[in-house]
Each structure stands twice: as structure tokens, then as C-alpha cells.
Amino acid sequence: MKKLHIFLLTLVIGSFVTLSSGMWQTASAKTPQDLNSDADQALNTLTSTRPIAANIAKKAKAILIFPNIVKAGLVFGGAYGEGELKEGSKVDGYYNSITASWGLQAGAQSYGYVVFLMNDKAMHYIHETHGWEIGVGPTVVVVNEGVAKNLSSTTLNDDAYAFIFDQQGLMAGVSLEGTKISRIHNP
């Protein structure tokens, strides 16, 4: 039985190292042109496949777009990605998204997320703080299938709405709680 546990642990660690090494390379620093292109493509894909996201986008003051976040962990984990803040068609700045976690976890995955900033409070917070930790500050509602059924253009009362999309890999679930978003001054 002990040999089976060692074998399984070796298999998990080997899979983790193999997957995470390839995935981290895709999340490495990109040029502003790469980020612009990836962000535009991610937002277009999200709004064309999720009608509620398209409706929220029309009412948002600005949109934070993180097209590719890479997460890996074995008890302790982390996630990283880069994106941009758009106000209308103008890029207002580049940001990174960093999350640290610990607990029962093993594997690697990638995903993207978009945060629609709906009011002046959310805009002020992203511009005036030196890093925004989701869960502290403006209220962010993560929109899943259940939440989406109850949203309409007249019920959009929260500061921000987040959509997670394109999840791929060997870890279950994605949470944005505790994610820190900080401005990149020299992308």
C-alpha cells in the first residue's frame, strides 16, 4: 500500500511539473500589442457566447480583461496573468493578476476572466489603490449560470461583475477571492 501512495504522489508531482512548466510559459510577460490583441479576442469571444456579458459590457464604465491566467499548485499554489483596462476602445493601462493559495490542491490549469467596472466607486478604487484585492473594496459579483439567470439591465446594482471563461487543465474550480490586481508600469 505504501508503494502505491508513493507511485501516485510521484505521478501527481510529475504531471504537475510537466503541465505547469508549459503553462507558465504562456503566461509570461507580453508586449502591449500582444496584450491588446489577446484581450480584444477574449472579450469578443466572451460577449459573443454569453449574451448577459454583452449587455453588461454596454453599461460598464471600464473593463478589466485578463485573457490568460495560469494556475498551478501542489498544496501551495499560485496563479498569474497579465491584462488590460479598457475604457471604451481606449486602453487605460496594463495590469497583472496574482493569486496565492494553499490547501488540498494538485495540478495546473489556465483560464481567463473579465471584470466589468460599473460605477465611479469601482473606477476610483482601481485608479487610486496600489493593488486591488478582490473581496476588499468594491463589490464584485462572479457571474455563473445561476447568477446570470437573475441578471438584467435593470438589476445591475453592484460595483463590478466578473466572468471566468475558457477553463482548461487538471484542477477543479476557479475562485477570484483574494486575487490581487496591480498596475504594470512598464509592460
C-alpha atoms as a PDB file:
ATOM      1  CA  MET A   1       0.000   0.000   0.000  1.00  0.00           C
ATOM      2  CA  LYS A   2       2.861   2.382   0.821  1.00  0.00           C
ATOM      3  CA  LYS A   3       4.359   1.796  -2.653  1.00  0.00           C
ATOM      4  CA  LEU A   4       1.006   2.700  -4.238  1.00  0.00           C
ATOM      5  CA  HIS A   5       0.904   6.003  -2.319  1.00  0.00           C
ATOM      6  CA  ILE A   6       4.469   6.811  -3.389  1.00  0.00           C
ATOM      7  CA  PHE A   7       3.655   5.923  -7.003  1.00  0.00           C
ATOM      8  CA  LEU A   8       0.522   8.108  -7.005  1.00  0.00           C
ATOM      9  CA  LEU A   9       2.383  11.015  -5.383  1.00  0.00           C
ATOM     10  CA  THR A  10       5.179  10.686  -7.964  1.00  0.00           C
ATOM     11  CA  LEU A  11       2.592  10.620 -10.776  1.00  0.00           C
ATOM     12  CA  VAL A  12       0.838  13.745  -9.464  1.00  0.00           C
ATOM     13  CA  ILE A  13       4.103  15.642  -8.978  1.00  0.00           C
ATOM     14  CA  GLY A  14       5.364  14.628 -12.420  1.00  0.00           C
ATOM     15  CA  SER A  15       2.109  15.683 -14.074  1.00  0.00           C
ATOM     16  CA  PHE A  16       2.137  18.952 -12.147  1.00  0.00           C
ATOM     17  CA  VAL A  17       5.694  19.807 -13.196  1.00  0.00           C
ATOM     18  CA  THR A  18       5.090  18.901 -16.843  1.00  0.00           C
ATOM     19  CA  LEU A  19       1.825  20.815 -17.151  1.00  0.00           C
ATOM     20  CA  SER A  20       2.824  23.838 -15.148  1.00  0.00           C
ATOM     21  CA  SER A  21       6.137  24.377 -16.946  1.00  0.00           C
ATOM     22  CA  GLY A  22       4.387  24.637 -20.320  1.00  0.00           C
ATOM     23  CA  MET A  23       1.520  26.709 -18.949  1.00  0.00           C
ATOM     24  CA  TRP A  24       3.751  29.227 -17.150  1.00  0.00           C
ATOM     25  CA  GLN A  25       5.485  29.998 -20.436  1.00  0.00           C
ATOM     26  CA  THR A  26       2.149  31.074 -21.956  1.00  0.00           C
ATOM     27  CA  ALA A  27       1.504  33.488 -19.073  1.00  0.00           C
ATOM     28  CA  SER A  28       4.899  35.175 -19.219  1.00  0.00           C
ATOM     29  CA  ALA A  29       5.249  38.884 -19.893  1.00  0.00           C
ATOM     30  CA  LYS A  30       3.878  40.001 -23.237  1.00  0.00           C
ATOM     31  CA  THR A  31       4.223  43.131 -25.303  1.00  0.00           C
ATOM     32  CA  PRO A  32       1.435  45.725 -25.164  1.00  0.00           C
ATOM     33  CA  GLN A  33       0.462  44.757 -28.720  1.00  0.00           C
ATOM     34  CA  ASP A  34       0.145  41.076 -27.699  1.00  0.00           C
ATOM     35  CA  LEU A  35      -1.954  42.019 -24.664  1.00  0.00           C
ATOM     36  CA  ASN A  36      -4.192  44.268 -26.788  1.00  0.00           C
ATOM     37  CA  SER A  37      -4.772  41.528 -29.339  1.00  0.00           C
ATOM     38  CA  ASP A  38      -5.353  38.783 -26.750  1.00  0.00           C
ATOM     39  CA  ALA A  39      -7.667  40.995 -24.682  1.00  0.00           C
ATOM     40  CA  ASP A  40      -9.744  42.033 -27.692  1.00  0.00           C
ATOM     41  CA  GLN A  41     -10.095  38.417 -28.789  1.00  0.00           C
ATOM     42  CA  ALA A  42     -11.039  37.246 -25.273  1.00  0.00           C
ATOM     43  CA  LEU A  43     -13.649  39.995 -24.826  1.00  0.00           C
ATOM     44  CA  ASN A  44     -15.141  39.334 -28.281  1.00  0.00           C
ATOM     45  CA  THR A  45     -15.356  35.601 -27.554  1.00  0.00           C
ATOM     46  CA  LEU A  46     -16.963  36.183 -24.142  1.00  0.00           C
ATOM     47  CA  THR A  47     -19.540  38.705 -25.359  1.00  0.00           C
ATOM     48  CA  SER A  48     -20.462  36.631 -28.408  1.00  0.00           C
ATOM     49  CA  THR A  49     -21.038  33.463 -26.365  1.00  0.00           C
ATOM     50  CA  ARG A  50     -22.591  34.973 -23.228  1.00  0.00           C
ATOM     51  CA  PRO A  51     -25.391  37.472 -24.032  1.00  0.00           C
ATOM     52  CA  ILE A  52     -25.516  38.781 -20.447  1.00  0.00           C
ATOM     53  CA  ALA A  53     -21.810  39.694 -20.717  1.00  0.00           C
ATOM     54  CA  ALA A  54     -22.553  41.657 -23.890  1.00  0.00           C
ATOM     55  CA  ASN A  55     -25.358  43.538 -22.083  1.00  0.00           C
ATOM     56  CA  ILE A  56     -23.143  44.320 -19.098  1.00  0.00           C
ATOM     57  CA  ALA A  57     -20.302  45.446 -21.396  1.00  0.00           C
ATOM     58  CA  LYS A  58     -22.574  48.105 -22.912  1.00  0.00           C
ATOM     59  CA  LYS A  59     -23.253  49.604 -19.457  1.00  0.00           C
ATOM     60  CA  ALA A  60     -19.752  49.235 -17.957  1.00  0.00           C
ATOM     61  CA  LYS A  61     -17.579  52.300 -17.344  1.00  0.00           C
ATOM     62  CA  ALA A  62     -14.459  50.191 -17.956  1.00  0.00           C
ATOM     63  CA  ILE A  63     -13.471  46.570 -18.465  1.00  0.00           C
ATOM     64  CA  LEU A  64     -10.512  44.679 -16.988  1.00  0.00           C
ATOM     65  CA  ILE A  65      -9.579  41.833 -19.318  1.00  0.00           C
ATOM     66  CA  PHE A  66      -7.224  39.003 -18.333  1.00  0.00           C
ATOM     67  CA  PRO A  67      -7.184  36.659 -21.341  1.00  0.00           C
ATOM     68  CA  ASN A  68      -4.865  34.010 -19.884  1.00  0.00           C
ATOM     69  CA  ILE A  69      -4.290  33.226 -16.220  1.00  0.00           C
ATOM     70  CA  VAL A  70      -2.165  30.194 -15.362  1.00  0.00           C
ATOM     71  CA  LYS A  71      -2.680  28.439 -12.027  1.00  0.00           C
ATOM     72  CA  ALA A  72      -0.585  25.601 -10.604  1.00  0.00           C
ATOM     73  CA  GLY A  73      -0.389  24.051  -7.183  1.00  0.00           C
ATOM     74  CA  LEU A  74       0.605  21.141  -5.026  1.00  0.00           C
ATOM     75  CA  VAL A  75      -0.720  22.024  -1.555  1.00  0.00           C
ATOM     76  CA  PHE A  76       0.648  25.565  -2.105  1.00  0.00           C
ATOM     77  CA  GLY A  77      -0.294  27.203  -5.366  1.00  0.00           C
ATOM     78  CA  GLY A  78      -0.346  30.370  -7.336  1.00  0.00           C
ATOM     79  CA  ALA A  79      -1.880  31.978 -10.385  1.00  0.00           C
ATOM     80  CA  TYR A  80      -0.540  34.725 -12.635  1.00  0.00           C
ATOM     81  CA  GLY A  81      -1.560  36.546 -15.774  1.00  0.00           C
ATOM     82  CA  GLU A  82      -1.491  39.933 -17.446  1.00  0.00           C
ATOM     83  CA  GLY A  83      -4.242  42.008 -18.975  1.00  0.00           C
ATOM     84  CA  GLU A  84      -5.518  45.485 -19.631  1.00  0.00           C
ATOM     85  CA  LEU A  85      -8.083  48.026 -18.517  1.00  0.00           C
ATOM     86  CA  LYS A  86     -10.201  49.427 -21.333  1.00  0.00           C
ATOM     87  CA  GLU A  87     -12.409  52.495 -21.154  1.00  0.00           C
ATOM     88  CA  GLY A  88     -14.444  52.347 -24.331  1.00  0.00           C
ATOM     89  CA  SER A  89     -11.993  51.483 -27.090  1.00  0.00           C
ATOM     90  CA  LYS A  90      -9.040  53.147 -25.291  1.00  0.00           C
ATOM     91  CA  VAL A  91      -6.531  51.115 -23.262  1.00  0.00           C
ATOM     92  CA  ASP A  92      -6.191  52.886 -19.898  1.00  0.00           C
ATOM     93  CA  GLY A  93      -3.389  50.693 -18.534  1.00  0.00           C
ATOM     94  CA  TYR A  94      -1.907  47.250 -18.169  1.00  0.00           C
ATOM     95  CA  TYR A  95      -2.374  45.099 -15.072  1.00  0.00           C
ATOM     96  CA  ASN A  96      -1.277  41.806 -13.606  1.00  0.00           C
ATOM     97  CA  SER A  97      -3.380  39.350 -11.645  1.00  0.00           C
ATOM     98  CA  ILE A  98      -1.713  37.361  -8.862  1.00  0.00           C
ATOM     99  CA  THR A  99      -3.269  34.796  -6.542  1.00  0.00           C
ATOM    100  CA  ALA A 100      -1.647  32.645  -3.870  1.00  0.00           C
ATOM    101  CA  SER A 101      -3.437  29.694  -2.311  1.00  0.00           C
ATOM    102  CA  TRP A 102      -2.905  26.734  -0.066  1.00  0.00           C
ATOM    103  CA  GLY A 103      -4.900  23.676   0.801  1.00  0.00           C
ATOM    104  CA  LEU A 104      -5.959  20.472  -0.870  1.00  0.00           C
ATOM    105  CA  GLN A 105      -4.872  21.079  -4.466  1.00  0.00           C
ATOM    106  CA  ALA A 106      -2.719  19.418  -7.087  1.00  0.00           C
ATOM    107  CA  GLY A 107      -2.443  20.190 -10.770  1.00  0.00           C
ATOM    108  CA  ALA A 108      -2.390  23.044 -13.221  1.00  0.00           C
ATOM    109  CA  GLN A 109      -4.942  24.930 -15.266  1.00  0.00           C
ATOM    110  CA  SER A 110      -5.418  28.029 -17.345  1.00  0.00           C
ATOM    111  CA  TYR A 111      -8.419  30.324 -17.638  1.00  0.00           C
ATOM    112  CA  GLY A 112      -9.327  33.874 -18.462  1.00  0.00           C
ATOM    113  CA  TYR A 113     -11.508  36.391 -16.688  1.00  0.00           C
ATOM    114  CA  VAL A 114     -13.105  39.751 -17.337  1.00  0.00           C
ATOM    115  CA  VAL A 115     -14.250  42.261 -14.714  1.00  0.00           C
ATOM    116  CA  PHE A 116     -16.822  44.857 -15.782  1.00  0.00           C
ATOM    117  CA  LEU A 117     -16.450  48.018 -13.649  1.00  0.00           C
ATOM    118  CA  MET A 118     -19.898  49.555 -13.419  1.00  0.00           C
ATOM    119  CA  ASN A 119     -19.589  52.786 -11.433  1.00  0.00           C
ATOM    120  CA  ASP A 120     -17.344  55.618 -10.284  1.00  0.00           C
ATOM    121  CA  LYS A 121     -16.591  53.853  -6.983  1.00  0.00           C
ATOM    122  CA  ALA A 122     -15.037  50.880  -8.816  1.00  0.00           C
ATOM    123  CA  MET A 123     -13.183  53.183 -11.217  1.00  0.00           C
ATOM    124  CA  HIS A 124     -11.808  55.313  -8.381  1.00  0.00           C
ATOM    125  CA  TYR A 125     -10.690  52.223  -6.486  1.00  0.00           C
ATOM    126  CA  ILE A 126      -8.775  50.694  -9.413  1.00  0.00           C
ATOM    127  CA  HIS A 127      -7.064  54.020 -10.188  1.00  0.00           C
ATOM    128  CA  GLU A 128      -6.278  55.163  -6.639  1.00  0.00           C
ATOM    129  CA  THR A 129      -5.129  51.987  -4.901  1.00  0.00           C
ATOM    130  CA  HIS A 130      -1.752  50.348  -5.350  1.00  0.00           C
ATOM    131  CA  GLY A 131      -3.309  46.984  -5.934  1.00  0.00           C
ATOM    132  CA  TRP A 132      -6.888  45.836  -5.701  1.00  0.00           C
ATOM    133  CA  GLU A 133      -7.569  42.637  -3.808  1.00  0.00           C
ATOM    134  CA  ILE A 134     -10.845  41.142  -4.983  1.00  0.00           C
ATOM    135  CA  GLY A 135     -13.041  40.707  -1.941  1.00  0.00           C
ATOM    136  CA  VAL A 136     -11.815  44.003  -0.435  1.00  0.00           C
ATOM    137  CA  GLY A 137     -13.175  47.281  -1.760  1.00  0.00           C
ATOM    138  CA  PRO A 138     -15.860  47.404  -4.441  1.00  0.00           C
ATOM    139  CA  THR A 139     -18.374  44.560  -4.532  1.00  0.00           C
ATOM    140  CA  VAL A 140     -17.534  42.043  -7.263  1.00  0.00           C
ATOM    141  CA  VAL A 141     -20.165  39.515  -8.309  1.00  0.00           C
ATOM    142  CA  VAL A 142     -18.796  36.450 -10.094  1.00  0.00           C
ATOM    143  CA  VAL A 143     -21.367  35.637 -12.749  1.00  0.00           C
ATOM    144  CA  ASN A 144     -22.006  31.918 -13.161  1.00  0.00           C
ATOM    145  CA  GLU A 145     -25.020  30.241 -14.780  1.00  0.00           C
ATOM    146  CA  GLY A 146     -27.204  30.712 -11.679  1.00  0.00           C
ATOM    147  CA  VAL A 147     -26.384  34.396 -11.224  1.00  0.00           C
ATOM    148  CA  ALA A 148     -26.775  35.061 -14.966  1.00  0.00           C
ATOM    149  CA  LYS A 149     -30.391  33.858 -14.906  1.00  0.00           C
ATOM    150  CA  ASN A 150     -31.286  36.597 -12.418  1.00  0.00           C
ATOM    151  CA  LEU A 151     -29.424  39.484 -14.068  1.00  0.00           C
ATOM    152  CA  SER A 152     -30.910  42.005 -16.426  1.00  0.00           C
ATOM    153  CA  SER A 153     -30.025  45.545 -17.402  1.00  0.00           C
ATOM    154  CA  THR A 154     -32.328  46.831 -14.627  1.00  0.00           C
ATOM    155  CA  THR A 155     -30.816  44.674 -11.847  1.00  0.00           C
ATOM    156  CA  LEU A 156     -27.174  45.689 -12.337  1.00  0.00           C
ATOM    157  CA  ASN A 157     -26.634  47.351  -8.957  1.00  0.00           C
ATOM    158  CA  ASP A 158     -23.208  46.065  -7.908  1.00  0.00           C
ATOM    159  CA  ASP A 159     -19.831  47.753  -8.408  1.00  0.00           C
ATOM    160  CA  ALA A 160     -18.362  45.083 -10.683  1.00  0.00           C
ATOM    161  CA  TYR A 161     -19.254  41.817 -12.422  1.00  0.00           C
ATOM    162  CA  ALA A 162     -16.678  39.128 -13.241  1.00  0.00           C
ATOM    163  CA  PHE A 163     -16.891  36.313 -15.773  1.00  0.00           C
ATOM    164  CA  ILE A 164     -14.475  33.378 -15.741  1.00  0.00           C
ATOM    165  CA  PHE A 165     -14.098  31.592 -19.062  1.00  0.00           C
ATOM    166  CA  ASP A 166     -12.037  29.131 -21.093  1.00  0.00           C
ATOM    167  CA  GLN A 167     -11.036  26.973 -18.122  1.00  0.00           C
ATOM    168  CA  GLN A 168      -8.651  24.180 -19.127  1.00  0.00           C
ATOM    169  CA  GLY A 169      -6.486  21.827 -17.097  1.00  0.00           C
ATOM    170  CA  LEU A 170      -6.472  19.392 -14.224  1.00  0.00           C
ATOM    171  CA  MET A 171      -7.685  21.499 -11.272  1.00  0.00           C
ATOM    172  CA  ALA A 172     -11.306  21.844 -10.239  1.00  0.00           C
ATOM    173  CA  GLY A 173     -12.939  25.245  -9.841  1.00  0.00           C
ATOM    174  CA  VAL A 174     -11.657  28.791 -10.014  1.00  0.00           C
ATOM    175  CA  SER A 175     -12.096  31.456  -7.364  1.00  0.00           C
ATOM    176  CA  LEU A 176     -11.158  35.111  -7.725  1.00  0.00           C
ATOM    177  CA  GLU A 177     -11.366  35.738  -3.963  1.00  0.00           C
ATOM    178  CA  GLY A 178      -8.028  37.080  -2.755  1.00  0.00           C
ATOM    179  CA  THR A 179      -6.740  37.832  -6.261  1.00  0.00           C
ATOM    180  CA  LYS A 180      -4.612  40.963  -6.310  1.00  0.00           C
ATOM    181  CA  ILE A 181      -4.769  43.166  -9.392  1.00  0.00           C
ATOM    182  CA  SER A 182      -1.935  45.700  -9.772  1.00  0.00           C
ATOM    183  CA  ARG A 183      -0.973  48.160 -12.462  1.00  0.00           C
ATOM    184  CA  ILE A 184       2.070  47.299 -14.580  1.00  0.00           C
ATOM    185  CA  HIS A 185       4.025  50.487 -15.166  1.00  0.00           C
ATOM    186  CA  ASN A 186       6.354  49.136 -17.869  1.00  0.00           C
ATOM    187  CA  PRO A 187       4.664  46.251 -19.713  1.00  0.00           C
END
